[in-house]
Amino acid sequence: MSPRDARCPSCDSTRTHVLLICGDPCLELRHGPGPPLTLGRHPDWAPRTAAFFADRPKISRRHAAITVEPDGTAWVEEPPAGSHNGTFLNSARLAPGIRTPLRDGDQLRLGLRVSIAVRLYGPGTATGPATGRGPGVG
């Protein structure tokens, strides 16, 4: 197996970060270690994403938060109160208030219609597009 490229094709950075790619709406977000990146329609709760989802009533006001740790691990968590429309990771609905690990190549879905591809980059991560993540995983 050849080594994976730690350099992000979007920003050309080798710094630890998650790259979230959504086709509809057209959205690409990079987020590194630090405070969570919040996803939803509420402008105070999700200032980086609210404008993109403002005209989509099937996206909850407070959908999910993405956290990246300095060691390169990434997590998604639905607020403890839950989201009205559900947050899904690889087709499984997330339980509210439970921090769930993200892996390179995962698909995050907000409600039933907005799908987001997850890519992890940087030293100490399973970097670059997934080439296989264990038995039975493509």
N, C-alpha and C. Protein backbone atom coordinates (compact mmCIF):
# COMPACT_ATOMS: atom_id res chain seq x y z
N MET A 1 0.85 -1.17 0.00
CA MET A 1 0.00 0.00 0.00
C MET A 1 0.90 1.24 0.00
N SER A 2 0.63 2.15 -0.89
CA SER A 2 1.44 3.36 -0.95
C SER A 2 1.04 4.33 0.15
N PRO A 3 1.98 5.19 0.60
CA PRO A 3 1.64 6.13 1.67
C PRO A 3 0.61 7.14 1.18
N ARG A 4 -0.21 7.61 2.10
CA ARG A 4 -1.23 8.61 1.76
C ARG A 4 -0.61 9.99 1.79
N ASP A 5 -1.15 10.89 1.00
CA ASP A 5 -0.66 12.26 0.93
C ASP A 5 -1.31 13.06 2.05
N ALA A 6 -0.49 13.67 2.90
CA ALA A 6 -1.01 14.47 4.02
C ALA A 6 -1.41 15.87 3.59
N ARG A 7 -1.15 16.24 2.34
CA ARG A 7 -1.45 17.59 1.86
C ARG A 7 -2.87 17.64 1.31
N CYS A 8 -3.63 18.60 1.80
CA CYS A 8 -5.02 18.78 1.37
C CYS A 8 -5.06 19.34 -0.05
N PRO A 9 -5.81 18.71 -0.96
CA PRO A 9 -5.88 19.22 -2.33
C PRO A 9 -6.64 20.53 -2.45
N SER A 10 -7.45 20.87 -1.44
CA SER A 10 -8.23 22.09 -1.49
C SER A 10 -7.41 23.31 -1.09
N CYS A 11 -6.63 23.19 0.01
CA CYS A 11 -5.90 24.36 0.51
C CYS A 11 -4.39 24.16 0.48
N ASP A 12 -3.93 23.00 0.06
CA ASP A 12 -2.51 22.68 -0.07
C ASP A 12 -1.78 22.70 1.27
N SER A 13 -2.52 22.53 2.36
CA SER A 13 -1.94 22.58 3.69
C SER A 13 -1.69 21.18 4.23
N THR A 14 -0.66 21.04 5.05
CA THR A 14 -0.42 19.78 5.75
C THR A 14 -0.84 19.90 7.21
N ARG A 15 -1.38 21.06 7.61
CA ARG A 15 -1.86 21.23 8.98
C ARG A 15 -3.06 20.33 9.23
N THR A 16 -3.21 19.85 10.44
CA THR A 16 -4.33 18.99 10.82
C THR A 16 -5.64 19.74 10.64
N HIS A 17 -6.55 19.18 9.86
CA HIS A 17 -7.87 19.77 9.70
C HIS A 17 -8.83 18.78 9.05
N VAL A 18 -10.10 19.09 9.15
CA VAL A 18 -11.13 18.35 8.46
C VAL A 18 -11.61 19.22 7.31
N LEU A 19 -11.91 18.60 6.19
CA LEU A 19 -12.46 19.29 5.04
C LEU A 19 -13.85 18.70 4.82
N LEU A 20 -14.86 19.55 4.87
CA LEU A 20 -16.25 19.14 4.66
C LEU A 20 -16.68 19.65 3.29
N ILE A 21 -17.16 18.74 2.44
CA ILE A 21 -17.53 19.10 1.08
C ILE A 21 -18.99 18.75 0.85
N CYS A 22 -19.77 19.75 0.48
CA CYS A 22 -21.20 19.59 0.23
C CYS A 22 -21.49 20.09 -1.18
N GLY A 23 -22.21 19.30 -1.97
CA GLY A 23 -22.54 19.70 -3.33
C GLY A 23 -23.77 20.58 -3.43
N ASP A 24 -24.76 20.40 -2.56
CA ASP A 24 -25.99 21.17 -2.62
C ASP A 24 -26.49 21.43 -1.21
N PRO A 25 -26.26 22.63 -0.69
CA PRO A 25 -25.69 23.80 -1.35
C PRO A 25 -24.18 23.62 -1.54
N CYS A 26 -23.65 24.34 -2.50
CA CYS A 26 -22.22 24.29 -2.78
C CYS A 26 -21.48 24.91 -1.60
N LEU A 27 -20.77 24.06 -0.87
CA LEU A 27 -20.14 24.51 0.36
C LEU A 27 -18.90 23.66 0.62
N GLU A 28 -17.80 24.30 0.93
CA GLU A 28 -16.57 23.62 1.32
C GLU A 28 -16.03 24.33 2.55
N LEU A 29 -15.91 23.58 3.64
CA LEU A 29 -15.44 24.14 4.90
C LEU A 29 -14.20 23.42 5.38
N ARG A 30 -13.21 24.19 5.80
CA ARG A 30 -12.02 23.63 6.45
C ARG A 30 -12.07 24.04 7.91
N HIS A 31 -11.75 23.07 8.79
CA HIS A 31 -11.80 23.37 10.21
C HIS A 31 -10.70 22.59 10.92
N GLY A 32 -9.92 23.30 11.71
CA GLY A 32 -8.82 22.69 12.44
C GLY A 32 -9.10 22.61 13.93
N PRO A 33 -8.08 22.20 14.69
CA PRO A 33 -8.23 22.09 16.14
C PRO A 33 -8.67 23.41 16.77
N GLY A 34 -9.46 23.29 17.80
CA GLY A 34 -9.96 24.48 18.50
C GLY A 34 -11.44 24.33 18.80
N PRO A 35 -12.14 25.45 18.93
CA PRO A 35 -13.58 25.39 19.22
C PRO A 35 -14.32 24.65 18.10
N PRO A 36 -15.48 24.09 18.41
CA PRO A 36 -16.23 23.33 17.40
C PRO A 36 -16.73 24.20 16.24
N LEU A 37 -16.86 23.57 15.09
CA LEU A 37 -17.54 24.15 13.94
C LEU A 37 -18.98 23.69 14.04
N THR A 38 -19.91 24.62 14.13
CA THR A 38 -21.32 24.26 14.28
C THR A 38 -22.03 24.34 12.94
N LEU A 39 -22.93 23.40 12.71
CA LEU A 39 -23.69 23.31 11.47
C LEU A 39 -25.17 23.50 11.76
N GLY A 40 -25.80 24.42 11.05
CA GLY A 40 -27.22 24.66 11.24
C GLY A 40 -27.65 25.98 10.66
N ARG A 41 -28.94 26.34 10.90
CA ARG A 41 -29.51 27.58 10.35
C ARG A 41 -29.49 28.75 11.31
N HIS A 42 -29.20 28.52 12.58
CA HIS A 42 -29.24 29.61 13.56
C HIS A 42 -27.97 30.45 13.43
N PRO A 43 -28.09 31.73 13.06
CA PRO A 43 -26.90 32.55 12.80
C PRO A 43 -26.00 32.77 14.02
N ASP A 44 -26.57 32.78 15.22
CA ASP A 44 -25.72 32.94 16.40
C ASP A 44 -25.03 31.64 16.78
N TRP A 45 -25.71 30.52 16.60
CA TRP A 45 -25.15 29.22 16.98
C TRP A 45 -24.21 28.69 15.90
N ALA A 46 -24.52 28.93 14.64
CA ALA A 46 -23.73 28.41 13.52
C ALA A 46 -23.36 29.53 12.56
N PRO A 47 -22.52 30.47 13.01
CA PRO A 47 -22.24 31.65 12.18
C PRO A 47 -21.58 31.35 10.83
N ARG A 48 -20.81 30.27 10.72
CA ARG A 48 -20.13 29.98 9.44
C ARG A 48 -21.03 29.26 8.44
N THR A 49 -22.14 28.67 8.90
CA THR A 49 -22.96 27.88 7.98
C THR A 49 -24.40 28.36 7.84
N ALA A 50 -24.87 29.19 8.74
CA ALA A 50 -26.29 29.60 8.74
C ALA A 50 -26.73 30.20 7.41
N ALA A 51 -25.92 31.04 6.82
CA ALA A 51 -26.30 31.68 5.56
C ALA A 51 -26.49 30.66 4.43
N PHE A 52 -25.70 29.59 4.43
CA PHE A 52 -25.81 28.58 3.39
C PHE A 52 -27.09 27.76 3.53
N PHE A 53 -27.58 27.60 4.76
CA PHE A 53 -28.75 26.78 5.01
C PHE A 53 -30.01 27.59 5.30
N ALA A 54 -29.94 28.91 5.23
CA ALA A 54 -31.04 29.78 5.63
C ALA A 54 -32.35 29.47 4.90
N ASP A 55 -32.28 29.12 3.64
CA ASP A 55 -33.50 28.87 2.86
C ASP A 55 -33.86 27.38 2.82
N ARG A 56 -33.34 26.60 3.75
CA ARG A 56 -33.60 25.16 3.79
C ARG A 56 -34.27 24.78 5.12
N PRO A 57 -35.60 24.81 5.16
CA PRO A 57 -36.30 24.54 6.41
C PRO A 57 -36.08 23.12 6.94
N LYS A 58 -35.64 22.20 6.11
CA LYS A 58 -35.39 20.83 6.55
C LYS A 58 -34.03 20.68 7.24
N ILE A 59 -33.26 21.79 7.30
CA ILE A 59 -32.02 21.81 8.08
C ILE A 59 -32.37 22.44 9.42
N SER A 60 -32.03 21.75 10.49
CA SER A 60 -32.35 22.25 11.82
C SER A 60 -31.55 23.50 12.15
N ARG A 61 -32.09 24.31 13.05
CA ARG A 61 -31.38 25.52 13.47
C ARG A 61 -30.06 25.16 14.16
N ARG A 62 -30.06 24.10 14.93
CA ARG A 62 -28.86 23.61 15.63
C ARG A 62 -28.71 22.14 15.31
N HIS A 63 -27.93 21.84 14.27
CA HIS A 63 -27.84 20.47 13.77
C HIS A 63 -26.74 19.66 14.43
N ALA A 64 -25.50 20.10 14.30
CA ALA A 64 -24.38 19.30 14.79
C ALA A 64 -23.15 20.17 14.97
N ALA A 65 -22.20 19.66 15.74
CA ALA A 65 -20.92 20.35 15.94
C ALA A 65 -19.79 19.40 15.57
N ILE A 66 -18.80 19.93 14.86
CA ILE A 66 -17.62 19.16 14.45
C ILE A 66 -16.44 19.68 15.26
N THR A 67 -15.72 18.77 15.90
CA THR A 67 -14.53 19.13 16.68
C THR A 67 -13.33 18.37 16.13
N VAL A 68 -12.21 19.08 15.99
CA VAL A 68 -10.95 18.46 15.57
C VAL A 68 -9.96 18.62 16.72
N GLU A 69 -9.39 17.52 17.15
CA GLU A 69 -8.40 17.54 18.24
C GLU A 69 -7.01 17.75 17.66
N PRO A 70 -6.07 18.25 18.46
CA PRO A 70 -4.70 18.45 17.98
C PRO A 70 -4.03 17.17 17.45
N ASP A 71 -4.47 16.01 17.95
CA ASP A 71 -3.88 14.75 17.49
C ASP A 71 -4.45 14.29 16.15
N GLY A 72 -5.39 15.05 15.57
CA GLY A 72 -5.94 14.72 14.27
C GLY A 72 -7.26 13.99 14.31
N THR A 73 -7.72 13.58 15.48
CA THR A 73 -9.02 12.93 15.54
C THR A 73 -10.11 13.97 15.35
N ALA A 74 -11.20 13.56 14.75
CA ALA A 74 -12.33 14.46 14.51
C ALA A 74 -13.60 13.80 15.03
N TRP A 75 -14.51 14.63 15.51
CA TRP A 75 -15.73 14.16 16.16
C TRP A 75 -16.93 14.96 15.68
N VAL A 76 -18.09 14.32 15.67
CA VAL A 76 -19.35 15.01 15.39
C VAL A 76 -20.28 14.74 16.57
N GLU A 77 -21.06 15.75 16.92
CA GLU A 77 -22.01 15.60 18.01
C GLU A 77 -23.25 16.41 17.72
N GLU A 78 -24.40 15.76 17.84
CA GLU A 78 -25.66 16.48 17.75
C GLU A 78 -25.91 17.10 19.13
N PRO A 79 -26.49 18.29 19.20
CA PRO A 79 -26.73 18.91 20.51
C PRO A 79 -27.52 17.98 21.43
N PRO A 80 -27.31 18.10 22.75
CA PRO A 80 -28.03 17.24 23.70
C PRO A 80 -29.56 17.28 23.53
N ALA A 81 -30.08 18.42 23.11
CA ALA A 81 -31.53 18.53 22.88
C ALA A 81 -31.94 17.87 21.56
N GLY A 82 -30.97 17.43 20.77
CA GLY A 82 -31.25 16.81 19.47
C GLY A 82 -31.50 17.83 18.39
N SER A 83 -31.71 17.33 17.20
CA SER A 83 -32.10 18.19 16.08
C SER A 83 -33.41 17.64 15.54
N HIS A 84 -34.26 18.53 15.13
CA HIS A 84 -35.59 18.11 14.67
C HIS A 84 -35.50 17.19 13.44
N ASN A 85 -34.55 17.45 12.55
CA ASN A 85 -34.48 16.72 11.28
C ASN A 85 -33.46 15.59 11.27
N GLY A 86 -32.73 15.41 12.34
CA GLY A 86 -31.78 14.29 12.43
C GLY A 86 -30.45 14.57 11.75
N THR A 87 -29.41 14.03 12.36
CA THR A 87 -28.06 14.07 11.80
C THR A 87 -27.64 12.62 11.63
N PHE A 88 -27.09 12.29 10.46
CA PHE A 88 -26.76 10.91 10.14
C PHE A 88 -25.29 10.80 9.77
N LEU A 89 -24.65 9.72 10.19
CA LEU A 89 -23.27 9.43 9.82
C LEU A 89 -23.28 8.07 9.14
N ASN A 90 -22.94 8.06 7.85
CA ASN A 90 -22.95 6.82 7.07
C ASN A 90 -24.29 6.09 7.23
N SER A 91 -25.38 6.82 7.12
CA SER A 91 -26.76 6.33 7.16
C SER A 91 -27.29 5.98 8.56
N ALA A 92 -26.46 6.05 9.60
CA ALA A 92 -26.92 5.78 10.96
C ALA A 92 -27.22 7.11 11.65
N ARG A 93 -28.39 7.19 12.25
CA ARG A 93 -28.76 8.43 12.94
C ARG A 93 -27.95 8.58 14.22
N LEU A 94 -27.41 9.78 14.44
CA LEU A 94 -26.65 10.06 15.64
C LEU A 94 -27.58 10.23 16.84
N ALA A 95 -27.15 9.74 17.98
CA ALA A 95 -27.89 9.96 19.22
C ALA A 95 -27.51 11.34 19.75
N PRO A 96 -28.49 12.13 20.19
CA PRO A 96 -28.19 13.47 20.72
C PRO A 96 -27.22 13.41 21.90
N GLY A 97 -26.27 14.36 21.90
CA GLY A 97 -25.34 14.50 23.01
C GLY A 97 -24.23 13.46 23.07
N ILE A 98 -24.13 12.59 22.08
CA ILE A 98 -23.09 11.56 22.05
C ILE A 98 -22.04 11.94 21.01
N ARG A 99 -20.81 12.11 21.48
CA ARG A 99 -19.69 12.45 20.60
C ARG A 99 -19.30 11.20 19.81
N THR A 100 -19.31 11.31 18.48
CA THR A 100 -19.06 10.18 17.59
C THR A 100 -17.86 10.47 16.71
N PRO A 101 -16.91 9.51 16.59
CA PRO A 101 -15.72 9.78 15.78
C PRO A 101 -16.04 9.88 14.29
N LEU A 102 -15.33 10.79 13.63
CA LEU A 102 -15.39 10.92 12.17
C LEU A 102 -14.14 10.26 11.60
N ARG A 103 -14.29 9.63 10.45
CA ARG A 103 -13.16 9.01 9.76
C ARG A 103 -13.10 9.56 8.35
N ASP A 104 -11.92 9.55 7.79
CA ASP A 104 -11.74 9.99 6.42
C ASP A 104 -12.64 9.17 5.50
N GLY A 105 -13.41 9.84 4.67
CA GLY A 105 -14.30 9.17 3.74
C GLY A 105 -15.72 9.01 4.24
N ASP A 106 -16.01 9.40 5.48
CA ASP A 106 -17.37 9.30 6.00
C ASP A 106 -18.31 10.23 5.24
N GLN A 107 -19.60 9.91 5.31
CA GLN A 107 -20.65 10.77 4.77
C GLN A 107 -21.51 11.24 5.93
N LEU A 108 -21.58 12.53 6.10
CA LEU A 108 -22.41 13.16 7.12
C LEU A 108 -23.64 13.69 6.42
N ARG A 109 -24.81 13.47 6.99
CA ARG A 109 -26.04 13.96 6.36
C ARG A 109 -26.84 14.76 7.38
N LEU A 110 -27.26 15.94 6.96
CA LEU A 110 -28.11 16.81 7.77
C LEU A 110 -29.52 16.67 7.25
N GLY A 111 -30.42 16.14 8.07
CA GLY A 111 -31.77 15.87 7.60
C GLY A 111 -31.72 14.79 6.53
N LEU A 112 -32.67 14.85 5.60
CA LEU A 112 -32.73 13.83 4.57
C LEU A 112 -32.07 14.23 3.26
N ARG A 113 -31.69 15.51 3.11
CA ARG A 113 -31.28 15.97 1.79
C ARG A 113 -29.87 16.53 1.66
N VAL A 114 -29.25 16.96 2.73
CA VAL A 114 -27.93 17.59 2.61
C VAL A 114 -26.85 16.60 3.03
N SER A 115 -26.04 16.19 2.06
CA SER A 115 -24.98 15.22 2.29
C SER A 115 -23.62 15.92 2.24
N ILE A 116 -22.76 15.57 3.19
CA ILE A 116 -21.45 16.20 3.30
C ILE A 116 -20.37 15.13 3.36
N ALA A 117 -19.41 15.21 2.46
CA ALA A 117 -18.27 14.29 2.47
C ALA A 117 -17.24 14.79 3.48
N VAL A 118 -16.66 13.87 4.24
CA VAL A 118 -15.68 14.20 5.28
C VAL A 118 -14.30 13.73 4.82
N ARG A 119 -13.32 14.65 4.84
CA ARG A 119 -11.93 14.31 4.53
C ARG A 119 -11.06 14.82 5.68
N LEU A 120 -10.13 14.00 6.14
CA LEU A 120 -9.21 14.38 7.21
C LEU A 120 -7.81 14.52 6.63
N TYR A 121 -7.11 15.57 7.04
CA TYR A 121 -5.76 15.83 6.54
C TYR A 121 -4.84 16.25 7.67
N GLY A 122 -3.55 15.99 7.48
CA GLY A 122 -2.54 16.45 8.41
C GLY A 122 -1.79 15.31 9.05
N PRO A 123 -0.68 15.66 9.71
CA PRO A 123 0.10 14.64 10.39
C PRO A 123 -0.70 14.02 11.52
N GLY A 124 -0.55 12.73 11.69
CA GLY A 124 -1.23 12.04 12.77
C GLY A 124 -2.66 11.65 12.46
N THR A 125 -3.13 11.92 11.23
CA THR A 125 -4.49 11.53 10.86
C THR A 125 -4.41 10.42 9.83
N ALA A 126 -5.52 9.80 9.61
CA ALA A 126 -5.64 8.88 8.48
C ALA A 126 -5.86 9.79 7.28
N THR A 127 -4.79 10.31 6.72
CA THR A 127 -4.88 11.41 5.77
C THR A 127 -5.22 10.97 4.37
N GLY A 128 -5.72 11.94 3.64
CA GLY A 128 -6.05 11.73 2.23
C GLY A 128 -7.29 10.87 2.09
N PRO A 129 -7.78 10.72 0.87
CA PRO A 129 -8.96 9.90 0.65
C PRO A 129 -8.73 8.48 1.11
N ALA A 130 -9.76 7.90 1.68
CA ALA A 130 -9.65 6.55 2.24
C ALA A 130 -9.32 5.54 1.16
N THR A 131 -8.41 4.66 1.46
CA THR A 131 -8.06 3.58 0.53
C THR A 131 -8.46 2.25 1.14
N GLY A 132 -9.20 2.32 2.22
CA GLY A 132 -9.62 1.12 2.92
C GLY A 132 -9.46 1.40 4.41
N ARG A 133 -10.47 1.03 5.19
CA ARG A 133 -10.39 1.36 6.61
C ARG A 133 -10.64 0.14 7.46
N GLY A 134 -10.24 -1.00 7.01
CA GLY A 134 -10.39 -2.18 7.82
C GLY A 134 -11.25 -3.21 7.12
N PRO A 135 -11.41 -4.38 7.74
CA PRO A 135 -12.17 -5.46 7.13
C PRO A 135 -13.61 -5.05 6.84
N GLY A 136 -14.04 -5.35 5.65
CA GLY A 136 -15.43 -5.10 5.28
C GLY A 136 -15.77 -3.64 5.02
N VAL A 137 -14.81 -2.76 5.05
CA VAL A 137 -15.06 -1.34 4.82
C VAL A 137 -14.39 -0.96 3.52
N GLY A 138 -15.17 -0.36 2.60
CA GLY A 138 -14.62 -0.02 1.30
C GLY A 138 -14.11 1.36 1.20
